[in-house]
Structure formats: structure tokens, C-alpha cells
């Protein structure tokens, strides 16, 4: 081979005056006493004997992705908590509506509008709402009931009272 052909090939040394850099994440051994240029992303780790071990540190690329994933995870956790609380509030309203329906059914039977036993009708009405009748008290035409429903191991209870409207006007005077 001719020397001209060797000159055209890849040079084995960097041209004079240019700075070479090891690939990112690699370690380079530099002879001790050699003046190294301060390059961003490098620092000297160990000096032993006649060699200094220089390591190239990594930059912050990719940290934004980690932060974005963490923020998305936090938002999903907050959203699931809010959805759970909204669902629990809905269950509480459903139980309250069932208690009111059971009290109205018992009051209708107590007033004679419907045939049957008041507390049995209250139990049937509460069962339609997915709850069970805990207590039923009939005083005249007024029915007072307490129902409960178990949701995820927690008991949700509600009280209701139904009957004819109490008038505040004196006896014998129409309101």
C-alpha cells in the first residue's frame, strides 16, 4: 500500500488543536500531571498512583418524562379519590330516599289509605331500595323508620319520619 492511501483513511489521532471527547457514560484514564481541559459534564473521581480516573456524568435529559409520569399518576390518584367520594355521597342520598319512601309507605298504611301492616310495608319499600329496615315506630298516623345498607363493609343509615302535616293553628280553626 502506498502512504497516500494510508493518509486518506480514518486518522488515528485527532488533528492538532481539536478537542476529543469520550462517548457519554464512559470512563477515561488520563495520566497524572496532564492538564485536562474543564469540559462540561466531567469531573475527576479518583487519583491513584500516576493515573487519574475521569468520569463523564449524565445530563438531565429524560427527567421531564419522569416528572410528567409522576404528575399523571398523582392526578389519577386524586381523580379516583374524588370519584369514590362522589359515589359514597350518591349511596348516602339513595339510602335517605329509601328511608323516606319506607316512612311514607308505613304512614299510608297507618292512616288507612292502604291495607296492611305499616312496618311490613316499610320493610318492603326499603328492600326495593336495597336497604334493610332497622326500626319502625308508629305513633298515631306518624311513622318513623330507620334503615341501613352495607357498602364496602361500612353501614350507611338514614332516618325518616312521615305522617299528616302538623298544623300550628288552634283547634277548630282551619289553616
Protein backbone atom coordinates (compact mmCIF):
# COMPACT_ATOMS: atom_id res chain seq x y z
CA UNK A 1 0.00 0.00 0.00
CA UNK A 2 1.11 3.45 -0.69
CA UNK A 3 1.45 6.07 2.01
CA UNK A 4 -1.09 8.22 0.15
CA UNK A 5 -3.69 5.56 0.69
CA UNK A 6 -2.99 5.49 4.42
CA UNK A 7 -3.37 9.26 4.60
CA UNK A 8 -6.83 9.04 3.06
CA UNK A 9 -8.05 6.58 5.68
CA UNK A 10 -9.51 7.45 9.07
CA UNK A 11 -6.90 9.30 11.13
CA UNK A 12 -5.73 7.53 14.26
CA UNK A 13 -5.24 10.81 16.12
CA UNK A 14 -7.35 13.92 16.22
CA UNK A 15 -5.88 16.81 14.28
CA UNK A 16 -3.82 19.18 16.36
CA UNK A 17 -5.85 21.90 18.08
CA UNK A 18 -9.12 19.93 18.20
CA UNK A 19 -10.62 18.58 21.36
CA UNK A 20 -11.60 14.89 21.59
CA UNK A 21 -14.22 13.60 23.94
CA UNK A 22 -15.03 10.11 25.13
CA UNK A 23 -18.54 8.85 24.45
CA UNK A 24 -21.13 9.71 27.10
CA UNK A 25 -21.18 7.33 30.05
CA UNK A 26 -17.63 6.01 29.54
CA UNK A 27 -14.60 6.37 31.79
CA UNK A 28 -11.28 7.65 30.57
CA UNK A 29 -7.84 7.18 32.15
CA UNK A 30 -5.71 10.32 32.00
CA UNK A 31 -2.02 10.36 33.00
CA UNK A 32 -1.44 12.24 36.26
CA UNK A 33 0.01 15.66 35.87
CA UNK A 34 -1.58 16.06 32.46
CA UNK A 35 -3.54 19.25 32.27
CA UNK A 36 -7.09 18.42 31.28
CA UNK A 37 -9.45 20.99 29.90
CA UNK A 38 -12.51 21.67 32.05
CA UNK A 39 -15.33 20.26 29.98
CA UNK A 40 -18.96 20.44 30.97
CA UNK A 41 -20.27 17.12 32.19
CA UNK A 42 -16.94 15.73 33.50
CA UNK A 43 -15.29 15.52 36.89
CA UNK A 44 -12.34 13.68 38.40
CA UNK A 45 -13.35 10.81 40.65
CA UNK A 46 -10.19 9.07 41.88
CA UNK A 47 -6.47 9.92 41.83
CA UNK A 48 -4.17 6.97 42.49
CA UNK A 49 -0.62 6.48 41.50
CA UNK A 50 0.15 8.04 38.17
CA UNK A 51 -3.37 7.93 36.72
CA UNK A 52 -6.48 9.97 37.39
CA UNK A 53 -9.84 8.41 36.67
CA UNK A 54 -12.16 10.83 34.92
CA UNK A 55 -15.84 10.06 34.54
CA UNK A 56 -18.34 11.70 32.26
CA UNK A 57 -21.58 12.46 34.10
CA UNK A 58 -25.00 12.36 32.54
CA UNK A 59 -27.13 15.39 31.97
CA UNK A 60 -30.79 15.82 32.93
CA UNK A 61 -32.27 14.56 29.69
CA UNK A 62 -35.36 12.43 30.34
CA UNK A 63 -36.12 13.91 33.75
CA UNK A 64 -39.11 15.77 32.28
CA UNK A 65 -40.66 12.48 31.24
CA UNK A 66 -40.29 11.08 34.74
CA UNK A 67 -41.85 14.23 36.18
CA UNK A 68 -44.74 14.05 33.70
CA UNK A 69 -45.42 10.40 34.57
CA UNK A 70 -45.36 11.24 38.28
CA UNK A 71 -47.80 14.12 37.77
CA UNK A 72 -50.14 11.93 35.73
CA UNK A 73 -50.04 9.29 38.47
CA UNK A 74 -50.83 11.89 41.14
CA UNK A 75 -53.73 13.25 39.08
CA UNK A 76 -55.13 9.74 38.59
CA UNK A 77 -54.91 9.06 42.34
CA UNK A 78 -56.75 12.31 43.12
CA UNK A 79 -59.38 11.60 40.48
CA UNK A 80 -60.02 8.09 41.81
CA UNK A 81 -60.38 9.50 45.34
CA UNK A 82 -62.86 12.11 44.13
CA UNK A 83 -64.88 9.52 42.19
CA UNK A 84 -65.01 7.28 45.27
CA UNK A 85 -66.22 10.14 47.46
CA UNK A 86 -68.84 11.15 44.89
CA UNK A 87 -70.06 7.54 44.70
CA UNK A 88 -70.30 7.34 48.51
CA UNK A 89 -72.30 10.57 48.58
CA UNK A 90 -74.64 9.12 45.95
CA UNK A 91 -75.14 5.99 48.07
CA UNK A 92 -75.97 8.15 51.11
CA UNK A 93 -78.63 10.01 49.09
CA UNK A 94 -80.05 6.72 47.81
CA UNK A 95 -80.37 5.35 51.35
CA UNK A 96 -82.02 8.59 52.50
CA UNK A 97 -84.53 8.40 49.63
CA UNK A 98 -85.28 4.76 50.52
CA UNK A 99 -85.89 5.74 54.15
CA UNK A 100 -88.31 8.46 53.08
CA UNK A 101 -90.17 6.03 50.80
CA UNK A 102 -90.40 3.45 53.60
CA UNK A 103 -91.73 6.07 56.04
CA UNK A 104 -94.34 7.22 53.51
CA UNK A 105 -95.45 3.63 52.88
CA UNK A 106 -95.81 2.99 56.63
CA UNK A 107 -97.67 6.28 57.13
CA UNK A 108 -100.10 5.45 54.28
CA UNK A 109 -100.95 2.12 55.91
CA UNK A 110 -101.20 3.75 59.36
CA UNK A 111 -103.65 6.35 58.04
CA UNK A 112 -105.81 3.67 56.42
CA UNK A 113 -105.14 4.73 52.80
CA UNK A 114 -103.61 1.30 52.06
CA UNK A 115 -104.46 -2.03 53.67
CA UNK A 116 -101.80 -4.00 55.54
CA UNK A 117 -99.36 -3.63 58.39
CA UNK A 118 -97.27 -0.41 58.44
CA UNK A 119 -93.89 -1.90 59.35
CA UNK A 120 -94.24 -4.71 56.79
CA UNK A 121 -94.89 -2.11 54.06
CA UNK A 122 -91.90 -0.10 55.29
CA UNK A 123 -89.69 -3.21 55.09
CA UNK A 124 -90.89 -3.92 51.53
CA UNK A 125 -90.24 -0.32 50.47
CA UNK A 126 -86.75 -0.28 51.97
CA UNK A 127 -85.91 -3.62 50.31
CA UNK A 128 -86.77 -2.07 46.93
CA UNK A 129 -84.03 0.49 47.60
CA UNK A 130 -81.50 -2.21 48.54
CA UNK A 131 -81.62 -1.46 52.27
CA UNK A 132 -82.96 -3.23 55.34
CA UNK A 133 -85.38 -1.89 57.92
CA UNK A 134 -83.69 -1.45 61.33
CA UNK A 135 -86.55 0.10 63.29
CA UNK A 136 -90.13 1.11 62.71
CA UNK A 137 -92.29 3.09 65.12
CA UNK A 138 -95.91 4.06 64.54
CA UNK A 139 -97.45 6.82 66.68
CA UNK A 140 -101.00 7.57 65.55
CA UNK A 141 -100.72 8.30 61.84
CA UNK A 142 -97.00 9.20 62.04
CA UNK A 143 -94.38 6.61 61.03
CA UNK A 144 -90.71 6.87 61.99
CA UNK A 145 -88.29 4.44 60.35
CA UNK A 146 -84.55 3.78 60.35
CA UNK A 147 -82.98 1.81 57.51
CA UNK A 148 -79.39 0.84 56.71
CA UNK A 149 -77.37 -0.54 53.86
CA UNK A 150 -73.89 -2.07 53.89
CA UNK A 151 -71.50 -0.64 51.30
CA UNK A 152 -67.89 -1.86 51.09
CA UNK A 153 -68.08 -3.02 54.71
CA UNK A 154 -69.49 0.26 56.01
CA UNK A 155 -73.07 0.68 57.19
CA UNK A 156 -74.88 3.67 55.75
CA UNK A 157 -78.02 4.51 57.76
CA UNK A 158 -80.83 7.03 57.39
CA UNK A 159 -83.87 8.07 59.43
CA UNK A 160 -87.16 9.38 58.10
CA UNK A 161 -90.47 10.46 59.53
CA UNK A 162 -93.78 10.70 57.63
CA UNK A 163 -97.39 11.40 58.51
CA UNK A 164 -100.06 14.04 58.25
CA UNK A 165 -98.89 17.63 58.45
CA UNK A 166 -98.97 19.10 61.91
CA UNK A 167 -100.96 22.32 61.99
CA UNK A 168 -99.93 25.18 64.19
CA UNK A 169 -103.40 26.77 64.15
CA UNK A 170 -105.72 26.45 67.17
CA UNK A 171 -108.15 23.52 67.21
CA UNK A 172 -111.24 24.02 65.12
CA UNK A 173 -109.75 26.87 63.05
CA UNK A 174 -108.80 25.89 59.51
CA UNK A 175 -105.30 26.95 58.45
